[in-house]
Amino acid sequence: MPTPKLNNYLGTFRKMRGFSQREIAFLLGCHNSAKVSRYEHDRRVPSLETIFAYEAILGTSARELFA
């Protein structure tokens, strides 16, 4: 059974805060921006640790980041 998709506003908040995918990837400790793109396009579900990191980086709660 495929993993359910998680609707999110990661790309929206990232752009509002003036970050590129590459910058977010660096702050998350990723090697490139591909993983960030997959999170934003609902092709990968972030771990709880990654969700907390997004909260800190983007300055908003997980409740606002994820539908």
PDB file of N, CA and C in Angstrom:
ATOM      1  N   MET A   1       0.845  -1.187   0.000  1.00  0.00           N
ATOM      2  CA  MET A   1       0.000   0.000   0.000  1.00  0.00           C
ATOM      3  C   MET A   1       0.888   1.249   0.000  1.00  0.00           C
ATOM      4  N   PRO A   2       0.644   2.197  -0.914  1.00  0.00           N
ATOM      5  CA  PRO A   2       1.475   3.408  -0.982  1.00  0.00           C
ATOM      6  C   PRO A   2       1.288   4.283   0.254  1.00  0.00           C
ATOM      7  N   THR A   3       2.315   5.058   0.549  1.00  0.00           N
ATOM      8  CA  THR A   3       2.263   5.999   1.654  1.00  0.00           C
ATOM      9  C   THR A   3       1.265   7.107   1.324  1.00  0.00           C
ATOM     10  N   PRO A   4       0.377   7.452   2.266  1.00  0.00           N
ATOM     11  CA  PRO A   4      -0.578   8.533   1.982  1.00  0.00           C
ATOM     12  C   PRO A   4       0.138   9.865   1.816  1.00  0.00           C
ATOM     13  N   LYS A   5      -0.386  10.681   0.927  1.00  0.00           N
ATOM     14  CA  LYS A   5       0.214  11.994   0.688  1.00  0.00           C
ATOM     15  C   LYS A   5      -0.214  12.971   1.773  1.00  0.00           C
ATOM     16  N   LEU A   6       0.696  13.837   2.139  1.00  0.00           N
ATOM     17  CA  LEU A   6       0.449  14.844   3.157  1.00  0.00           C
ATOM     18  C   LEU A   6       0.436  16.201   2.474  1.00  0.00           C
ATOM     19  N   ASN A   7      -0.725  16.802   2.390  1.00  0.00           N
ATOM     20  CA  ASN A   7      -0.807  18.130   1.775  1.00  0.00           C
ATOM     21  C   ASN A   7      -0.067  19.124   2.660  1.00  0.00           C
ATOM     22  N   ASN A   8       0.724  19.969   2.035  1.00  0.00           N
ATOM     23  CA  ASN A   8       1.515  20.901   2.823  1.00  0.00           C
ATOM     24  C   ASN A   8       1.666  22.254   2.127  1.00  0.00           C
ATOM     25  N   TYR A   9       2.179  23.191   2.909  1.00  0.00           N
ATOM     26  CA  TYR A   9       2.417  24.549   2.429  1.00  0.00           C
ATOM     27  C   TYR A   9       3.896  24.909   2.581  1.00  0.00           C
ATOM     28  N   LEU A  10       4.752  23.889   2.509  1.00  0.00           N
ATOM     29  CA  LEU A  10       6.187  24.118   2.699  1.00  0.00           C
ATOM     30  C   LEU A  10       6.746  25.079   1.660  1.00  0.00           C
ATOM     31  N   GLY A  11       6.412  24.870   0.398  1.00  0.00           N
ATOM     32  CA  GLY A  11       6.905  25.746  -0.667  1.00  0.00           C
ATOM     33  C   GLY A  11       6.401  27.169  -0.516  1.00  0.00           C
ATOM     34  N   THR A  12       5.158  27.305  -0.125  1.00  0.00           N
ATOM     35  CA  THR A  12       4.555  28.631   0.060  1.00  0.00           C
ATOM     36  C   THR A  12       5.284  29.404   1.150  1.00  0.00           C
ATOM     37  N   PHE A  13       5.457  28.769   2.325  1.00  0.00           N
ATOM     38  CA  PHE A  13       6.137  29.452   3.428  1.00  0.00           C
ATOM     39  C   PHE A  13       7.609  29.677   3.120  1.00  0.00           C
ATOM     40  N   ARG A  14       8.247  28.728   2.431  1.00  0.00           N
ATOM     41  CA  ARG A  14       9.651  28.893   2.058  1.00  0.00           C
ATOM     42  C   ARG A  14       9.828  30.142   1.206  1.00  0.00           C
ATOM     43  N   LYS A  15       8.964  30.296   0.213  1.00  0.00           N
ATOM     44  CA  LYS A  15       9.056  31.458  -0.677  1.00  0.00           C
ATOM     45  C   LYS A  15       8.736  32.755   0.061  1.00  0.00           C
ATOM     46  N   MET A  16       7.742  32.704   0.950  1.00  0.00           N
ATOM     47  CA  MET A  16       7.390  33.895   1.726  1.00  0.00           C
ATOM     48  C   MET A  16       8.555  34.362   2.603  1.00  0.00           C
ATOM     49  N   ARG A  17       9.346  33.416   3.085  1.00  0.00           N
ATOM     50  CA  ARG A  17      10.477  33.743   3.957  1.00  0.00           C
ATOM     51  C   ARG A  17      11.753  34.037   3.166  1.00  0.00           C
ATOM     52  N   GLY A  18      11.686  33.879   1.836  1.00  0.00           N
ATOM     53  CA  GLY A  18      12.812  34.239   0.986  1.00  0.00           C
ATOM     54  C   GLY A  18      13.915  33.193   0.887  1.00  0.00           C
ATOM     55  N   PHE A  19      13.588  31.936   1.163  1.00  0.00           N
ATOM     56  CA  PHE A  19      14.569  30.860   1.067  1.00  0.00           C
ATOM     57  C   PHE A  19      14.463  30.145  -0.275  1.00  0.00           C
ATOM     58  N   SER A  20      15.589  29.663  -0.771  1.00  0.00           N
ATOM     59  CA  SER A  20      15.583  28.777  -1.937  1.00  0.00           C
ATOM     60  C   SER A  20      15.507  27.336  -1.429  1.00  0.00           C
ATOM     61  N   GLN A  21      15.180  26.417  -2.308  1.00  0.00           N
ATOM     62  CA  GLN A  21      15.175  25.012  -1.917  1.00  0.00           C
ATOM     63  C   GLN A  21      16.568  24.576  -1.491  1.00  0.00           C
ATOM     64  N   ARG A  22      17.564  25.088  -2.163  1.00  0.00           N
ATOM     65  CA  ARG A  22      18.952  24.739  -1.838  1.00  0.00           C
ATOM     66  C   ARG A  22      19.316  25.193  -0.421  1.00  0.00           C
ATOM     67  N   GLU A  23      18.887  26.389  -0.040  1.00  0.00           N
ATOM     68  CA  GLU A  23      19.171  26.892   1.308  1.00  0.00           C
ATOM     69  C   GLU A  23      18.468  26.053   2.373  1.00  0.00           C
ATOM     70  N   ILE A  24      17.214  25.691   2.119  1.00  0.00           N
ATOM     71  CA  ILE A  24      16.481  24.834   3.059  1.00  0.00           C
ATOM     72  C   ILE A  24      17.167  23.484   3.172  1.00  0.00           C
ATOM     73  N   ALA A  25      17.594  22.932   2.052  1.00  0.00           N
ATOM     74  CA  ALA A  25      18.290  21.643   2.060  1.00  0.00           C
ATOM     75  C   ALA A  25      19.542  21.722   2.935  1.00  0.00           C
ATOM     76  N   PHE A  26      20.301  22.786   2.800  1.00  0.00           N
ATOM     77  CA  PHE A  26      21.505  22.977   3.613  1.00  0.00           C
ATOM     78  C   PHE A  26      21.152  23.012   5.098  1.00  0.00           C
ATOM     79  N   LEU A  27      20.124  23.786   5.447  1.00  0.00           N
ATOM     80  CA  LEU A  27      19.721  23.914   6.848  1.00  0.00           C
ATOM     81  C   LEU A  27      19.176  22.608   7.416  1.00  0.00           C
ATOM     82  N   LEU A  28      18.592  21.773   6.557  1.00  0.00           N
ATOM     83  CA  LEU A  28      18.081  20.471   6.991  1.00  0.00           C
ATOM     84  C   LEU A  28      19.178  19.407   7.016  1.00  0.00           C
ATOM     85  N   GLY A  29      20.348  19.741   6.459  1.00  0.00           N
ATOM     86  CA  GLY A  29      21.440  18.781   6.417  1.00  0.00           C
ATOM     87  C   GLY A  29      21.371  17.823   5.247  1.00  0.00           C
ATOM     88  N   CYS A  30      20.647  18.193   4.201  1.00  0.00           N
ATOM     89  CA  CYS A  30      20.534  17.361   3.004  1.00  0.00           C
ATOM     90  C   CYS A  30      21.694  17.685   2.062  1.00  0.00           C
ATOM     91  N   HIS A  31      22.041  16.744   1.212  1.00  0.00           N
ATOM     92  CA  HIS A  31      23.139  16.948   0.273  1.00  0.00           C
ATOM     93  C   HIS A  31      22.749  17.813  -0.916  1.00  0.00           C
ATOM     94  N   ASN A  32      21.463  17.803  -1.276  1.00  0.00           N
ATOM     95  CA  ASN A  32      20.988  18.647  -2.379  1.00  0.00           C
ATOM     96  C   ASN A  32      19.516  18.966  -2.164  1.00  0.00           C
ATOM     97  N   SER A  33      18.950  19.728  -3.074  1.00  0.00           N
ATOM     98  CA  SER A  33      17.567  20.200  -2.894  1.00  0.00           C
ATOM     99  C   SER A  33      16.508  19.203  -3.363  1.00  0.00           C
ATOM    100  N   ALA A  34      16.906  18.050  -3.872  1.00  0.00           N
ATOM    101  CA  ALA A  34      15.929  17.081  -4.383  1.00  0.00           C
ATOM    102  C   ALA A  34      14.961  16.623  -3.300  1.00  0.00           C
ATOM    103  N   LYS A  35      15.469  16.380  -2.100  1.00  0.00           N
ATOM    104  CA  LYS A  35      14.602  15.915  -1.010  1.00  0.00           C
ATOM    105  C   LYS A  35      13.598  17.003  -0.632  1.00  0.00           C
ATOM    106  N   VAL A  36      14.048  18.250  -0.599  1.00  0.00           N
ATOM    107  CA  VAL A  36      13.158  19.380  -0.292  1.00  0.00           C
ATOM    108  C   VAL A  36      12.059  19.466  -1.339  1.00  0.00           C
ATOM    109  N   SER A  37      12.406  19.304  -2.590  1.00  0.00           N
ATOM    110  CA  SER A  37      11.422  19.317  -3.667  1.00  0.00           C
ATOM    111  C   SER A  37      10.395  18.198  -3.477  1.00  0.00           C
ATOM    112  N   ARG A  38      10.871  17.020  -3.097  1.00  0.00           N
ATOM    113  CA  ARG A  38       9.947  15.899  -2.880  1.00  0.00           C
ATOM    114  C   ARG A  38       9.011  16.175  -1.713  1.00  0.00           C
ATOM    115  N   TYR A  39       9.511  16.803  -0.649  1.00  0.00           N
ATOM    116  CA  TYR A  39       8.631  17.186   0.464  1.00  0.00           C
ATOM    117  C   TYR A  39       7.562  18.170  -0.013  1.00  0.00           C
ATOM    118  N   GLU A  40       7.979  19.172  -0.751  1.00  0.00           N
ATOM    119  CA  GLU A  40       7.059  20.221  -1.192  1.00  0.00           C
ATOM    120  C   GLU A  40       6.010  19.713  -2.172  1.00  0.00           C
ATOM    121  N   HIS A  41       6.359  18.719  -2.975  1.00  0.00           N
ATOM    122  CA  HIS A  41       5.429  18.198  -3.979  1.00  0.00           C
ATOM    123  C   HIS A  41       4.731  16.912  -3.543  1.00  0.00           C
ATOM    124  N   ASP A  42       4.730  16.662  -2.234  1.00  0.00           N
ATOM    125  CA  ASP A  42       4.022  15.516  -1.653  1.00  0.00           C
ATOM    126  C   ASP A  42       4.489  14.172  -2.204  1.00  0.00           C
ATOM    127  N   ARG A  43       5.761  14.076  -2.576  1.00  0.00           N
ATOM    128  CA  ARG A  43       6.296  12.800  -3.046  1.00  0.00           C
ATOM    129  C   ARG A  43       7.094  12.097  -1.956  1.00  0.00           C
ATOM    130  N   ARG A  44       7.249  12.754  -0.815  1.00  0.00           N
ATOM    131  CA  ARG A  44       7.957  12.179   0.325  1.00  0.00           C
ATOM    132  C   ARG A  44       7.378  12.791   1.592  1.00  0.00           C
ATOM    133  N   VAL A  45       7.166  11.959   2.604  1.00  0.00           N
ATOM    134  CA  VAL A  45       6.636  12.432   3.881  1.00  0.00           C
ATOM    135  C   VAL A  45       7.817  12.696   4.815  1.00  0.00           C
ATOM    136  N   PRO A  46       7.945  13.921   5.328  1.00  0.00           N
ATOM    137  CA  PRO A  46       9.077  14.234   6.205  1.00  0.00           C
ATOM    138  C   PRO A  46       8.944  13.534   7.559  1.00  0.00           C
ATOM    139  N   SER A  47      10.078  13.242   8.164  1.00  0.00           N
ATOM    140  CA  SER A  47      10.080  12.667   9.510  1.00  0.00           C
ATOM    141  C   SER A  47       9.656  13.742  10.507  1.00  0.00           C
ATOM    142  N   LEU A  48       9.349  13.316  11.712  1.00  0.00           N
ATOM    143  CA  LEU A  48       8.962  14.267  12.751  1.00  0.00           C
ATOM    144  C   LEU A  48      10.121  15.231  13.041  1.00  0.00           C
ATOM    145  N   GLU A  49      11.325  14.719  13.027  1.00  0.00           N
ATOM    146  CA  GLU A  49      12.507  15.564  13.231  1.00  0.00           C
ATOM    147  C   GLU A  49      12.602  16.643  12.147  1.00  0.00           C
ATOM    148  N   THR A  50      12.330  16.268  10.910  1.00  0.00           N
ATOM    149  CA  THR A  50      12.368  17.220   9.803  1.00  0.00           C
ATOM    150  C   THR A  50      11.251  18.248   9.937  1.00  0.00           C
ATOM    151  N   ILE A  51      10.088  17.816  10.379  1.00  0.00           N
ATOM    152  CA  ILE A  51       8.972  18.746  10.586  1.00  0.00           C
ATOM    153  C   ILE A  51       9.343  19.787  11.638  1.00  0.00           C
ATOM    154  N   PHE A  52       9.970  19.347  12.737  1.00  0.00           N
ATOM    155  CA  PHE A  52      10.406  20.291  13.778  1.00  0.00           C
ATOM    156  C   PHE A  52      11.455  21.260  13.226  1.00  0.00           C
ATOM    157  N   ALA A  53      12.336  20.770  12.373  1.00  0.00           N
ATOM    158  CA  ALA A  53      13.344  21.627  11.755  1.00  0.00           C
ATOM    159  C   ALA A  53      12.678  22.669  10.865  1.00  0.00           C
ATOM    160  N   TYR A  54      11.680  22.248  10.088  1.00  0.00           N
ATOM    161  CA  TYR A  54      10.939  23.207   9.253  1.00  0.00           C
ATOM    162  C   TYR A  54      10.278  24.275  10.121  1.00  0.00           C
ATOM    163  N   GLU A  55       9.711  23.881  11.252  1.00  0.00           N
ATOM    164  CA  GLU A  55       9.100  24.863  12.156  1.00  0.00           C
ATOM    165  C   GLU A  55      10.122  25.923  12.564  1.00  0.00           C
ATOM    166  N   ALA A  56      11.308  25.473  12.962  1.00  0.00           N
ATOM    167  CA  ALA A  56      12.347  26.402  13.411  1.00  0.00           C
ATOM    168  C   ALA A  56      12.842  27.282  12.269  1.00  0.00           C
ATOM    169  N   ILE A  57      13.067  26.691  11.108  1.00  0.00           N
ATOM    170  CA  ILE A  57      13.607  27.433   9.965  1.00  0.00           C
ATOM    171  C   ILE A  57      12.606  28.464   9.451  1.00  0.00           C
ATOM    172  N   LEU A  58      11.351  28.057   9.316  1.00  0.00           N
ATOM    173  CA  LEU A  58      10.342  28.926   8.709  1.00  0.00           C
ATOM    174  C   LEU A  58       9.586  29.779   9.725  1.00  0.00           C
ATOM    175  N   GLY A  59       9.802  29.511  11.009  1.00  0.00           N
ATOM    176  CA  GLY A  59       9.182  30.330  12.049  1.00  0.00           C
ATOM    177  C   GLY A  59       7.676  30.199  12.098  1.00  0.00           C
ATOM    178  N   THR A  60       7.164  29.010  11.831  1.00  0.00           N
ATOM    179  CA  THR A  60       5.724  28.783  11.880  1.00  0.00           C
ATOM    180  C   THR A  60       5.460  27.362  12.366  1.00  0.00           C
ATOM    181  N   SER A  61       4.271  27.127  12.859  1.00  0.00           N
ATOM    182  CA  SER A  61       3.952  25.826  13.446  1.00  0.00           C
ATOM    183  C   SER A  61       3.664  24.768  12.376  1.00  0.00           C
ATOM    184  N   ALA A  62       3.841  23.534  12.775  1.00  0.00           N
ATOM    185  CA  ALA A  62       3.535  22.402  11.872  1.00  0.00           C
ATOM    186  C   ALA A  62       2.075  22.440  11.463  1.00  0.00           C
ATOM    187  N   ARG A  63       1.233  22.912  12.333  1.00  0.00           N
ATOM    188  CA  ARG A  63      -0.206  23.015  12.037  1.00  0.00           C
ATOM    189  C   ARG A  63      -0.454  23.914  10.827  1.00  0.00           C
ATOM    190  N   GLU A  64       0.349  24.955  10.693  1.00  0.00           N
ATOM    191  CA  GLU A  64       0.212  25.854   9.545  1.00  0.00           C
ATOM    192  C   GLU A  64       0.914  25.319   8.303  1.00  0.00           C
ATOM    193  N   LEU A  65       1.971  24.548   8.507  1.00  0.00           N
ATOM    194  CA  LEU A  65       2.740  24.019   7.388  1.00  0.00           C
ATOM    195  C   LEU A  65       2.067  22.841   6.690  1.00  0.00           C
ATOM    196  N   PHE A  66       1.301  22.066   7.453  1.00  0.00           N
ATOM    197  CA  PHE A  66       0.692  20.853   6.923  1.00  0.00           C
ATOM    198  C   PHE A  66      -0.816  20.874   7.090  1.00  0.00           C
ATOM    199  N   ALA A  67      -1.515  20.495   6.030  1.00  0.00           N
ATOM    200  CA  ALA A  67      -2.992  20.476   6.069  1.00  0.00           C
ATOM    201  C   ALA A  67      -3.485  19.300   6.903  1.00  0.00           C
TER     202      ALA A  67
END
